[in-house]
Amino acid sequence: MTGVYVYGLVPAGAELPEDLEGLGPTGRVWTVPHGEIAAVVGDVPDDRPLGTRADLLAHERTVDGLAAVTAVLPMRFPAVVEEAGVVEELLAPHHDRFTEDLASSRGGCSSR
């Protein structure tokens, strides 16, 4: 199983900024959608533990970049989840609450 770093939650279909760069070795950031919400995730360093100042700053830059274009519920630093568990453990059980929280954070959940 592979772990992914979770930056936050956004409305499903939200467009990520092109210059968004994560803290993992590839810098790649993508979404894992479920219903009306999506987790924004990226790869994690596999050669060292998380928790450096640089990791925290990368987390903040990513969340700030998301917040500039859409409603976002940031995750606590550092949040690593098994990739297969993003939907089953994080999104599905809390879908309705996260959808409501996103809607109230920007006056609506739709990013379309």
PDB file of N, CA and C in Angstrom:
ATOM      1  N   MET A   1       0.840  -1.194   0.000  1.00  0.00           N
ATOM      2  CA  MET A   1       0.000   0.000   0.000  1.00  0.00           C
ATOM      3  C   MET A   1       0.884   1.257   0.000  1.00  0.00           C
ATOM      4  N   THR A   2       0.395   2.270  -0.661  1.00  0.00           N
ATOM      5  CA  THR A   2       1.110   3.531  -0.757  1.00  0.00           C
ATOM      6  C   THR A   2       0.364   4.608   0.010  1.00  0.00           C
ATOM      7  N   GLY A   3       1.094   5.409   0.749  1.00  0.00           N
ATOM      8  CA  GLY A   3       0.498   6.522   1.461  1.00  0.00           C
ATOM      9  C   GLY A   3       0.489   7.771   0.606  1.00  0.00           C
ATOM     10  N   VAL A   4      -0.499   8.632   0.854  1.00  0.00           N
ATOM     11  CA  VAL A   4      -0.555   9.935   0.198  1.00  0.00           C
ATOM     12  C   VAL A   4      -0.688  11.008   1.269  1.00  0.00           C
ATOM     13  N   TYR A   5      -0.172  12.162   0.957  1.00  0.00           N
ATOM     14  CA  TYR A   5      -0.270  13.316   1.832  1.00  0.00           C
ATOM     15  C   TYR A   5      -1.561  14.043   1.488  1.00  0.00           C
ATOM     16  N   VAL A   6      -2.373  14.361   2.489  1.00  0.00           N
ATOM     17  CA  VAL A   6      -3.642  15.048   2.239  1.00  0.00           C
ATOM     18  C   VAL A   6      -3.499  16.502   2.688  1.00  0.00           C
ATOM     19  N   TYR A   7      -3.654  17.415   1.731  1.00  0.00           N
ATOM     20  CA  TYR A   7      -3.553  18.849   2.008  1.00  0.00           C
ATOM     21  C   TYR A   7      -4.870  19.420   2.505  1.00  0.00           C
ATOM     22  N   GLY A   8      -5.960  18.962   1.918  1.00  0.00           N
ATOM     23  CA  GLY A   8      -7.251  19.498   2.289  1.00  0.00           C
ATOM     24  C   GLY A   8      -8.347  18.928   1.414  1.00  0.00           C
ATOM     25  N   LEU A   9      -9.545  19.448   1.630  1.00  0.00           N
ATOM     26  CA  LEU A   9     -10.720  19.016   0.882  1.00  0.00           C
ATOM     27  C   LEU A   9     -11.287  20.200   0.124  1.00  0.00           C
ATOM     28  N   VAL A  10     -11.735  19.938  -1.092  1.00  0.00           N
ATOM     29  CA  VAL A  10     -12.301  20.964  -1.960  1.00  0.00           C
ATOM     30  C   VAL A  10     -13.574  20.414  -2.587  1.00  0.00           C
ATOM     31  N   PRO A  11     -14.396  21.284  -3.178  1.00  0.00           N
ATOM     32  CA  PRO A  11     -15.555  20.776  -3.912  1.00  0.00           C
ATOM     33  C   PRO A  11     -15.096  19.909  -5.080  1.00  0.00           C
ATOM     34  N   ALA A  12     -15.809  18.820  -5.347  1.00  0.00           N
ATOM     35  CA  ALA A  12     -15.489  17.980  -6.499  1.00  0.00           C
ATOM     36  C   ALA A  12     -15.546  18.832  -7.759  1.00  0.00           C
ATOM     37  N   GLY A  13     -14.626  18.608  -8.645  1.00  0.00           N
ATOM     38  CA  GLY A  13     -14.581  19.372  -9.889  1.00  0.00           C
ATOM     39  C   GLY A  13     -13.805  20.667  -9.792  1.00  0.00           C
ATOM     40  N   ALA A  14     -13.321  21.005  -8.603  1.00  0.00           N
ATOM     41  CA  ALA A  14     -12.535  22.237  -8.453  1.00  0.00           C
ATOM     42  C   ALA A  14     -11.265  22.127  -9.292  1.00  0.00           C
ATOM     43  N   GLU A  15     -10.930  23.197  -9.971  1.00  0.00           N
ATOM     44  CA  GLU A  15      -9.713  23.236 -10.779  1.00  0.00           C
ATOM     45  C   GLU A  15      -8.541  23.614  -9.876  1.00  0.00           C
ATOM     46  N   LEU A  16      -7.486  22.823  -9.938  1.00  0.00           N
ATOM     47  CA  LEU A  16      -6.286  23.126  -9.161  1.00  0.00           C
ATOM     48  C   LEU A  16      -5.417  24.113  -9.931  1.00  0.00           C
ATOM     49  N   PRO A  17      -4.791  25.050  -9.224  1.00  0.00           N
ATOM     50  CA  PRO A  17      -3.879  25.965  -9.914  1.00  0.00           C
ATOM     51  C   PRO A  17      -2.758  25.185 -10.604  1.00  0.00           C
ATOM     52  N   GLU A  18      -2.372  25.619 -11.796  1.00  0.00           N
ATOM     53  CA  GLU A  18      -1.341  24.919 -12.558  1.00  0.00           C
ATOM     54  C   GLU A  18       0.012  24.920 -11.856  1.00  0.00           C
ATOM     55  N   ASP A  19       0.292  25.955 -11.068  1.00  0.00           N
ATOM     56  CA  ASP A  19       1.591  26.062 -10.420  1.00  0.00           C
ATOM     57  C   ASP A  19       1.619  25.447  -9.017  1.00  0.00           C
ATOM     58  N   LEU A  20       0.581  24.724  -8.654  1.00  0.00           N
ATOM     59  CA  LEU A  20       0.510  24.093  -7.344  1.00  0.00           C
ATOM     60  C   LEU A  20       1.571  23.006  -7.245  1.00  0.00           C
ATOM     61  N   GLU A  21       2.385  23.070  -6.197  1.00  0.00           N
ATOM     62  CA  GLU A  21       3.455  22.091  -6.026  1.00  0.00           C
ATOM     63  C   GLU A  21       3.431  21.548  -4.609  1.00  0.00           C
ATOM     64  N   GLY A  22       3.397  20.239  -4.490  1.00  0.00           N
ATOM     65  CA  GLY A  22       3.348  19.583  -3.194  1.00  0.00           C
ATOM     66  C   GLY A  22       4.728  19.364  -2.594  1.00  0.00           C
ATOM     67  N   LEU A  23       4.743  18.749  -1.424  1.00  0.00           N
ATOM     68  CA  LEU A  23       5.995  18.554  -0.701  1.00  0.00           C
ATOM     69  C   LEU A  23       6.680  17.236  -1.003  1.00  0.00           C
ATOM     70  N   GLY A  24       6.051  16.362  -1.768  1.00  0.00           N
ATOM     71  CA  GLY A  24       6.642  15.068  -2.102  1.00  0.00           C
ATOM     72  C   GLY A  24       7.731  15.181  -3.143  1.00  0.00           C
ATOM     73  N   PRO A  25       8.410  14.078  -3.415  1.00  0.00           N
ATOM     74  CA  PRO A  25       9.537  14.112  -4.348  1.00  0.00           C
ATOM     75  C   PRO A  25       9.160  14.513  -5.774  1.00  0.00           C
ATOM     76  N   THR A  26       7.933  14.220  -6.219  1.00  0.00           N
ATOM     77  CA  THR A  26       7.539  14.629  -7.568  1.00  0.00           C
ATOM     78  C   THR A  26       6.937  16.026  -7.590  1.00  0.00           C
ATOM     79  N   GLY A  27       6.470  16.496  -6.441  1.00  0.00           N
ATOM     80  CA  GLY A  27       5.794  17.789  -6.380  1.00  0.00           C
ATOM     81  C   GLY A  27       4.382  17.742  -6.920  1.00  0.00           C
ATOM     82  N   ARG A  28       3.966  16.597  -7.453  1.00  0.00           N
ATOM     83  CA  ARG A  28       2.644  16.451  -8.075  1.00  0.00           C
ATOM     84  C   ARG A  28       1.542  16.493  -7.027  1.00  0.00           C
ATOM     85  N   VAL A  29       0.452  17.194  -7.360  1.00  0.00           N
ATOM     86  CA  VAL A  29      -0.733  17.296  -6.506  1.00  0.00           C
ATOM     87  C   VAL A  29      -1.941  16.958  -7.376  1.00  0.00           C
ATOM     88  N   TRP A  30      -2.854  16.136  -6.843  1.00  0.00           N
ATOM     89  CA  TRP A  30      -4.034  15.742  -7.606  1.00  0.00           C
ATOM     90  C   TRP A  30      -5.217  15.584  -6.658  1.00  0.00           C
ATOM     91  N   THR A  31      -6.393  15.344  -7.228  1.00  0.00           N
ATOM     92  CA  THR A  31      -7.587  15.178  -6.405  1.00  0.00           C
ATOM     93  C   THR A  31      -8.080  13.736  -6.453  1.00  0.00           C
ATOM     94  N   VAL A  32      -8.709  13.335  -5.347  1.00  0.00           N
ATOM     95  CA  VAL A  32      -9.397  12.053  -5.252  1.00  0.00           C
ATOM     96  C   VAL A  32     -10.848  12.406  -4.939  1.00  0.00           C
ATOM     97  N   PRO A  33     -11.733  12.365  -5.947  1.00  0.00           N
ATOM     98  CA  PRO A  33     -13.117  12.787  -5.745  1.00  0.00           C
ATOM     99  C   PRO A  33     -13.992  11.694  -5.136  1.00  0.00           C
ATOM    100  N   HIS A  34     -15.027  12.153  -4.443  1.00  0.00           N
ATOM    101  CA  HIS A  34     -16.069  11.267  -3.924  1.00  0.00           C
ATOM    102  C   HIS A  34     -17.322  12.112  -3.752  1.00  0.00           C
ATOM    103  N   GLY A  35     -18.345  11.842  -4.549  1.00  0.00           N
ATOM    104  CA  GLY A  35     -19.579  12.625  -4.467  1.00  0.00           C
ATOM    105  C   GLY A  35     -19.307  14.086  -4.771  1.00  0.00           C
ATOM    106  N   GLU A  36     -19.691  14.961  -3.847  1.00  0.00           N
ATOM    107  CA  GLU A  36     -19.559  16.406  -4.049  1.00  0.00           C
ATOM    108  C   GLU A  36     -18.246  16.986  -3.534  1.00  0.00           C
ATOM    109  N   ILE A  37     -17.367  16.137  -2.992  1.00  0.00           N
ATOM    110  CA  ILE A  37     -16.103  16.617  -2.430  1.00  0.00           C
ATOM    111  C   ILE A  37     -14.925  15.869  -3.032  1.00  0.00           C
ATOM    112  N   ALA A  38     -13.742  16.420  -2.829  1.00  0.00           N
ATOM    113  CA  ALA A  38     -12.520  15.757  -3.286  1.00  0.00           C
ATOM    114  C   ALA A  38     -11.398  16.064  -2.302  1.00  0.00           C
ATOM    115  N   ALA A  39     -10.559  15.088  -2.069  1.00  0.00           N
ATOM    116  CA  ALA A  39      -9.347  15.297  -1.274  1.00  0.00           C
ATOM    117  C   ALA A  39      -8.238  15.732  -2.219  1.00  0.00           C
ATOM    118  N   VAL A  40      -7.479  16.734  -1.821  1.00  0.00           N
ATOM    119  CA  VAL A  40      -6.315  17.161  -2.582  1.00  0.00           C
ATOM    120  C   VAL A  40      -5.119  16.459  -1.952  1.00  0.00           C
ATOM    121  N   VAL A  41      -4.457  15.630  -2.745  1.00  0.00           N
ATOM    122  CA  VAL A  41      -3.393  14.779  -2.223  1.00  0.00           C
ATOM    123  C   VAL A  41      -2.129  14.911  -3.062  1.00  0.00           C
ATOM    124  N   GLY A  42      -1.043  14.389  -2.520  1.00  0.00           N
ATOM    125  CA  GLY A  42       0.226  14.341  -3.228  1.00  0.00           C
ATOM    126  C   GLY A  42       1.070  13.212  -2.674  1.00  0.00           C
ATOM    127  N   ASP A  43       2.201  12.974  -3.321  1.00  0.00           N
ATOM    128  CA  ASP A  43       3.074  11.925  -2.819  1.00  0.00           C
ATOM    129  C   ASP A  43       3.829  12.420  -1.580  1.00  0.00           C
ATOM    130  N   VAL A  44       4.381  11.472  -0.840  1.00  0.00           N
ATOM    131  CA  VAL A  44       5.109  11.798   0.390  1.00  0.00           C
ATOM    132  C   VAL A  44       6.562  11.381   0.230  1.00  0.00           C
ATOM    133  N   PRO A  45       7.455  12.089   0.920  1.00  0.00           N
ATOM    134  CA  PRO A  45       8.856  11.667   0.881  1.00  0.00           C
ATOM    135  C   PRO A  45       8.981  10.249   1.436  1.00  0.00           C
ATOM    136  N   ASP A  46       9.741   9.405   0.742  1.00  0.00           N
ATOM    137  CA  ASP A  46       9.915   8.043   1.234  1.00  0.00           C
ATOM    138  C   ASP A  46      11.314   7.809   1.799  1.00  0.00           C
ATOM    139  N   ASP A  47      12.126   8.849   1.768  1.00  0.00           N
ATOM    140  CA  ASP A  47      13.490   8.705   2.246  1.00  0.00           C
ATOM    141  C   ASP A  47      13.746   9.378   3.591  1.00  0.00           C
ATOM    142  N   ARG A  48      12.677   9.963   4.177  1.00  0.00           N
ATOM    143  CA  ARG A  48      12.838  10.664   5.451  1.00  0.00           C
ATOM    144  C   ARG A  48      11.478  10.902   6.089  1.00  0.00           C
ATOM    145  N   PRO A  49      11.455  11.125   7.390  1.00  0.00           N
ATOM    146  CA  PRO A  49      10.175  11.444   8.031  1.00  0.00           C
ATOM    147  C   PRO A  49       9.712  12.858   7.683  1.00  0.00           C
ATOM    148  N   LEU A  50       8.416  13.071   7.733  1.00  0.00           N
ATOM    149  CA  LEU A  50       7.851  14.408   7.531  1.00  0.00           C
ATOM    150  C   LEU A  50       8.029  15.239   8.789  1.00  0.00           C
ATOM    151  N   GLY A  51       7.955  16.539   8.632  1.00  0.00           N
ATOM    152  CA  GLY A  51       7.945  17.411   9.791  1.00  0.00           C
ATOM    153  C   GLY A  51       8.964  18.523   9.772  1.00  0.00           C
ATOM    154  N   THR A  52       9.673  18.682   8.674  1.00  0.00           N
ATOM    155  CA  THR A  52      10.651  19.762   8.601  1.00  0.00           C
ATOM    156  C   THR A  52       9.948  21.099   8.372  1.00  0.00           C
ATOM    157  N   ARG A  53      10.656  22.151   8.595  1.00  0.00           N
ATOM    158  CA  ARG A  53      10.128  23.487   8.332  1.00  0.00           C
ATOM    159  C   ARG A  53       9.747  23.616   6.852  1.00  0.00           C
ATOM    160  N   ALA A  54      10.576  23.069   5.986  1.00  0.00           N
ATOM    161  CA  ALA A  54      10.286  23.114   4.548  1.00  0.00           C
ATOM    162  C   ALA A  54       8.984  22.375   4.223  1.00  0.00           C
ATOM    163  N   ASP A  55       8.726  21.256   4.907  1.00  0.00           N
ATOM    164  CA  ASP A  55       7.476  20.522   4.707  1.00  0.00           C
ATOM    165  C   ASP A  55       6.280  21.374   5.118  1.00  0.00           C
ATOM    166  N   LEU A  56       6.383  22.012   6.267  1.00  0.00           N
ATOM    167  CA  LEU A  56       5.294  22.860   6.749  1.00  0.00           C
ATOM    168  C   LEU A  56       5.036  24.017   5.789  1.00  0.00           C
ATOM    169  N   LEU A  57       6.089  24.640   5.305  1.00  0.00           N
ATOM    170  CA  LEU A  57       5.927  25.747   4.363  1.00  0.00           C
ATOM    171  C   LEU A  57       5.310  25.277   3.045  1.00  0.00           C
ATOM    172  N   ALA A  58       5.689  24.083   2.569  1.00  0.00           N
ATOM    173  CA  ALA A  58       5.093  23.540   1.349  1.00  0.00           C
ATOM    174  C   ALA A  58       3.610  23.255   1.564  1.00  0.00           C
ATOM    175  N   HIS A  59       3.260  22.738   2.737  1.00  0.00           N
ATOM    176  CA  HIS A  59       1.857  22.488   3.074  1.00  0.00           C
ATOM    177  C   HIS A  59       1.073  23.799   3.033  1.00  0.00           C
ATOM    178  N   GLU A  60       1.609  24.825   3.679  1.00  0.00           N
ATOM    179  CA  GLU A  60       0.937  26.131   3.717  1.00  0.00           C
ATOM    180  C   GLU A  60       0.790  26.730   2.320  1.00  0.00           C
ATOM    181  N   ARG A  61       1.830  26.656   1.496  1.00  0.00           N
ATOM    182  CA  ARG A  61       1.765  27.200   0.131  1.00  0.00           C
ATOM    183  C   ARG A  61       0.684  26.490  -0.678  1.00  0.00           C
ATOM    184  N   THR A  62       0.588  25.182  -0.521  1.00  0.00           N
ATOM    185  CA  THR A  62      -0.398  24.419  -1.270  1.00  0.00           C
ATOM    186  C   THR A  62      -1.805  24.783  -0.833  1.00  0.00           C
ATOM    187  N   VAL A  63      -2.043  24.833   0.473  1.00  0.00           N
ATOM    188  CA  VAL A  63      -3.371  25.194   0.982  1.00  0.00           C
ATOM    189  C   VAL A  63      -3.715  26.630   0.579  1.00  0.00           C
ATOM    190  N   ASP A  64      -2.761  27.551   0.693  1.00  0.00           N
ATOM    191  CA  ASP A  64      -3.008  28.939   0.286  1.00  0.00           C
ATOM    192  C   ASP A  64      -3.319  29.030  -1.213  1.00  0.00           C
ATOM    193  N   GLY A  65      -2.624  28.248  -2.033  1.00  0.00           N
ATOM    194  CA  GLY A  65      -2.884  28.233  -3.469  1.00  0.00           C
ATOM    195  C   GLY A  65      -4.283  27.732  -3.778  1.00  0.00           C
ATOM    196  N   LEU A  66      -4.725  26.722  -3.040  1.00  0.00           N
ATOM    197  CA  LEU A  66      -6.085  26.220  -3.210  1.00  0.00           C
ATOM    198  C   LEU A  66      -7.104  27.276  -2.790  1.00  0.00           C
ATOM    199  N   ALA A  67      -6.873  27.895  -1.639  1.00  0.00           N
ATOM    200  CA  ALA A  67      -7.811  28.878  -1.099  1.00  0.00           C
ATOM    201  C   ALA A  67      -7.963  30.092  -2.012  1.00  0.00           C
ATOM    202  N   ALA A  68      -6.967  30.357  -2.833  1.00  0.00           N
ATOM    203  CA  ALA A  68      -7.048  31.490  -3.753  1.00  0.00           C
ATOM    204  C   ALA A  68      -8.047  31.244  -4.881  1.00  0.00           C
ATOM    205  N   VAL A  69      -8.380  29.963  -5.137  1.00  0.00           N
ATOM    206  CA  VAL A  69      -9.253  29.662  -6.268  1.00  0.00           C
ATOM    207  C   VAL A  69     -10.541  28.934  -5.902  1.00  0.00           C
ATOM    208  N   THR A  70     -10.646  28.389  -4.691  1.00  0.00           N
ATOM    209  CA  THR A  70     -11.837  27.627  -4.323  1.00  0.00           C
ATOM    210  C   THR A  70     -11.952  27.520  -2.804  1.00  0.00           C
ATOM    211  N   ALA A  71     -13.096  27.081  -2.347  1.00  0.00           N
ATOM    212  CA  ALA A  71     -13.267  26.790  -0.927  1.00  0.00           C
ATOM    213  C   ALA A  71     -12.394  25.588  -0.583  1.00  0.00           C
ATOM    214  N   VAL A  72     -11.764  25.625   0.573  1.00  0.00           N
ATOM    215  CA  VAL A  72     -10.899  24.524   0.989  1.00  0.00           C
ATOM    216  C   VAL A  72     -11.018  24.300   2.489  1.00  0.00           C
ATOM    217  N   LEU A  73     -11.078  23.043   2.874  1.00  0.00           N
ATOM    218  CA  LEU A  73     -10.989  22.663   4.276  1.00  0.00           C
ATOM    219  C   LEU A  73      -9.594  22.074   4.457  1.00  0.00           C
ATOM    220  N   PRO A  74      -8.672  22.826   5.068  1.00  0.00           N
ATOM    221  CA  PRO A  74      -7.302  22.326   5.187  1.00  0.00           C
ATOM    222  C   PRO A  74      -7.213  21.189   6.201  1.00  0.00           C
ATOM    223  N   MET A  75      -6.316  20.272   5.937  1.00  0.00           N
ATOM    224  CA  MET A  75      -6.029  19.195   6.873  1.00  0.00           C
ATOM    225  C   MET A  75      -4.900  19.642   7.790  1.00  0.00           C
ATOM    226  N   ARG A  76      -4.872  19.053   8.953  1.00  0.00           N
ATOM    227  CA  ARG A  76      -3.802  19.333   9.905  1.00  0.00           C
ATOM    228  C   ARG A  76      -2.477  18.793   9.358  1.00  0.00           C
ATOM    229  N   PHE A  77      -1.423  19.520   9.594  1.00  0.00           N
ATOM    230  CA  PHE A  77      -0.075  19.111   9.161  1.00  0.00           C
ATOM    231  C   PHE A  77       0.512  18.146  10.172  1.00  0.00           C
ATOM    232  N   PRO A  78       1.141  17.084   9.768  1.00  0.00           N
ATOM    233  CA  PRO A  78       1.121  16.404   8.485  1.00  0.00           C
ATOM    234  C   PRO A  78       0.041  15.330   8.473  1.00  0.00           C
ATOM    235  N   ALA A  79      -0.678  15.201   7.405  1.00  0.00           N
ATOM    236  CA  ALA A  79      -1.774  14.232   7.287  1.00  0.00           C
ATOM    237  C   ALA A  79      -1.457  13.236   6.181  1.00  0.00           C
ATOM    238  N   VAL A  80      -1.111  12.025   6.578  1.00  0.00           N
ATOM    239  CA  VAL A  80      -0.800  10.974   5.619  1.00  0.00           C
ATOM    240  C   VAL A  80      -1.804   9.845   5.803  1.00  0.00           C
ATOM    241  N   VAL A  81      -2.367   9.380   4.683  1.00  0.00           N
ATOM    242  CA  VAL A  81      -3.380   8.330   4.684  1.00  0.00           C
ATOM    243  C   VAL A  81      -2.986   7.311   3.622  1.00  0.00           C
ATOM    244  N   GLU A  82      -3.300   6.046   3.855  1.00  0.00           N
ATOM    245  CA  GLU A  82      -3.113   5.055   2.800  1.00  0.00           C
ATOM    246  C   GLU A  82      -3.951   5.479   1.602  1.00  0.00           C
ATOM    247  N   GLU A  83      -3.398   5.408   0.422  1.00  0.00           N
ATOM    248  CA  GLU A  83      -4.098   5.873  -0.781  1.00  0.00           C
ATOM    249  C   GLU A  83      -5.471   5.226  -0.924  1.00  0.00           C
ATOM    250  N   ALA A  84      -5.561   3.948  -0.640  1.00  0.00           N
ATOM    251  CA  ALA A  84      -6.849   3.249  -0.752  1.00  0.00           C
ATOM    252  C   ALA A  84      -7.850   3.727   0.298  1.00  0.00           C
ATOM    253  N   GLY A  85      -7.385   4.325   1.381  1.00  0.00           N
ATOM    254  CA  GLY A  85      -8.268   4.758   2.450  1.00  0.00           C
ATOM    255  C   GLY A  85      -8.812   6.167   2.311  1.00  0.00           C
ATOM    256  N   VAL A  86      -8.357   6.914   1.310  1.00  0.00           N
ATOM    257  CA  VAL A  86      -8.806   8.298   1.173  1.00  0.00           C
ATOM    258  C   VAL A  86     -10.330   8.357   1.059  1.00  0.00           C
ATOM    259  N   VAL A  87     -10.901   7.524   0.219  1.00  0.00           N
ATOM    260  CA  VAL A  87     -12.357   7.528   0.057  1.00  0.00           C
ATOM    261  C   VAL A  87     -13.030   6.793   1.208  1.00  0.00           C
ATOM    262  N   GLU A  88     -12.605   5.557   1.482  1.00  0.00           N
ATOM    263  CA  GLU A  88     -13.306   4.737   2.476  1.00  0.00           C
ATOM    264  C   GLU A  88     -13.210   5.279   3.893  1.00  0.00           C
ATOM    265  N   GLU A  89     -12.050   5.807   4.268  1.00  0.00           N
ATOM    266  CA  GLU A  89     -11.840   6.234   5.649  1.00  0.00           C
ATOM    267  C   GLU A  89     -12.039   7.730   5.887  1.00  0.00           C
ATOM    268  N   LEU A  90     -11.805   8.540   4.873  1.00  0.00           N
ATOM    269  CA  LEU A  90     -11.873   9.987   5.063  1.00  0.00           C
ATOM    270  C   LEU A  90     -13.120  10.600   4.424  1.00  0.00           C
ATOM    271  N   LEU A  91     -13.309  10.387   3.144  1.00  0.00           N
ATOM    272  CA  LEU A  91     -14.373  11.083   2.424  1.00  0.00           C
ATOM    273  C   LEU A  91     -15.763  10.479   2.623  1.00  0.00           C
ATOM    274  N   ALA A  92     -15.912   9.196   2.418  1.00  0.00           N
ATOM    275  CA  ALA A  92     -17.245   8.574   2.465  1.00  0.00           C
ATOM    276  C   ALA A  92     -17.934   8.727   3.826  1.00  0.00           C
ATOM    277  N   PRO A  93     -17.268   8.421   4.937  1.00  0.00           N
ATOM    278  CA  PRO A  93     -17.967   8.496   6.225  1.00  0.00           C
ATOM    279  C   PRO A  93     -18.369   9.915   6.635  1.00  0.00           C
ATOM    280  N   HIS A  94     -17.692  10.922   6.092  1.00  0.00           N
ATOM    281  CA  HIS A  94     -17.926  12.308   6.521  1.00  0.00           C
ATOM    282  C   HIS A  94     -18.404  13.200   5.381  1.00  0.00           C
ATOM    283  N   HIS A  95     -18.847  12.592   4.278  1.00  0.00           N
ATOM    284  CA  HIS A  95     -19.197  13.325   3.066  1.00  0.00           C
ATOM    285  C   HIS A  95     -20.160  14.476   3.327  1.00  0.00           C
ATOM    286  N   ASP A  96     -21.274  14.201   3.985  1.00  0.00           N
ATOM    287  CA  ASP A  96     -22.299  15.230   4.172  1.00  0.00           C
ATOM    288  C   ASP A  96     -21.789  16.392   5.012  1.00  0.00           C
ATOM    289  N   ARG A  97     -21.060  16.097   6.065  1.00  0.00           N
ATOM    290  CA  ARG A  97     -20.535  17.175   6.919  1.00  0.00           C
ATOM    291  C   ARG A  97     -19.509  18.017   6.157  1.00  0.00           C
ATOM    292  N   PHE A  98     -18.603  17.363   5.448  1.00  0.00           N
ATOM    293  CA  PHE A  98     -17.603  18.114   4.684  1.00  0.00           C
ATOM    294  C   PHE A  98     -18.270  18.963   3.605  1.00  0.00           C
ATOM    295  N   THR A  99     -19.295  18.436   2.959  1.00  0.00           N
ATOM    296  CA  THR A  99     -20.010  19.192   1.933  1.00  0.00           C
ATOM    297  C   THR A  99     -20.635  20.446   2.543  1.00  0.00           C
ATOM    298  N   GLU A 100     -21.266  20.306   3.694  1.00  0.00           N
ATOM    299  CA  GLU A 100     -21.866  21.453   4.386  1.00  0.00           C
ATOM    300  C   GLU A 100     -20.803  22.465   4.791  1.00  0.00           C
ATOM    301  N   ASP A 101     -19.681  21.994   5.330  1.00  0.00           N
ATOM    302  CA  ASP A 101     -18.611  22.901   5.753  1.00  0.00           C
ATOM    303  C   ASP A 101     -18.034  23.674   4.574  1.00  0.00           C
ATOM    304  N   LEU A 102     -17.849  22.997   3.445  1.00  0.00           N
ATOM    305  CA  LEU A 102     -17.355  23.696   2.254  1.00  0.00           C
ATOM    306  C   LEU A 102     -18.362  24.724   1.762  1.00  0.00           C
ATOM    307  N   ALA A 103     -19.636  24.365   1.785  1.00  0.00           N
ATOM    308  CA  ALA A 103     -20.676  25.284   1.338  1.00  0.00           C
ATOM    309  C   ALA A 103     -20.715  26.530   2.208  1.00  0.00           C
ATOM    310  N   SER A 104     -20.582  26.364   3.500  1.00  0.00           N
ATOM    311  CA  SER A 104     -20.647  27.517   4.396  1.00  0.00           C
ATOM    312  C   SER A 104     -19.370  28.356   4.353  1.00  0.00           C
ATOM    313  N   SER A 105     -18.254  27.770   3.919  1.00  0.00           N
ATOM    314  CA  SER A 105     -17.006  28.529   3.904  1.00  0.00           C
ATOM    315  C   SER A 105     -16.932  29.556   2.775  1.00  0.00           C
ATOM    316  N   ARG A 106     -17.674  29.327   1.711  1.00  0.00           N
ATOM    317  CA  ARG A 106     -17.656  30.281   0.584  1.00  0.00           C
ATOM    318  C   ARG A 106     -19.035  30.529   0.012  1.00  0.00           C
ATOM    319  N   GLY A 107     -20.059  30.243   0.766  1.00  0.00           N
ATOM    320  CA  GLY A 107     -21.402  30.523   0.292  1.00  0.00           C
ATOM    321  C   GLY A 107     -21.909  29.557  -0.753  1.00  0.00           C
ATOM    322  N   GLY A 108     -21.256  28.409  -0.895  1.00  0.00           N
ATOM    323  CA  GLY A 108     -21.726  27.400  -1.834  1.00  0.00           C
ATOM    324  C   GLY A 108     -20.645  26.395  -2.124  1.00  0.00           C
ATOM    325  N   CYS A 109     -21.021  25.159  -2.385  1.00  0.00           N
ATOM    326  CA  CYS A 109     -20.051  24.103  -2.619  1.00  0.00           C
ATOM    327  C   CYS A 109     -19.681  23.970  -4.082  1.00  0.00           C
ATOM    328  N   SER A 110     -20.460  24.529  -4.959  1.00  0.00           N
ATOM    329  CA  SER A 110     -20.194  24.324  -6.380  1.00  0.00           C
ATOM    330  C   SER A 110     -19.015  25.173  -6.845  1.00  0.00           C
ATOM    331  N   SER A 111     -18.102  24.538  -7.559  1.00  0.00           N
ATOM    332  CA  SER A 111     -16.978  25.270  -8.132  1.00  0.00           C
ATOM    333  C   SER A 111     -17.140  25.410  -9.632  1.00  0.00           C
ATOM    334  N   ARG A 112     -18.256  25.003 -10.140  1.00  0.00           N
ATOM    335  CA  ARG A 112     -18.482  25.037 -11.596  1.00  0.00           C
ATOM    336  C   ARG A 112     -19.096  26.334 -12.024  1.00  0.00           C
TER     337      ARG A 112
END
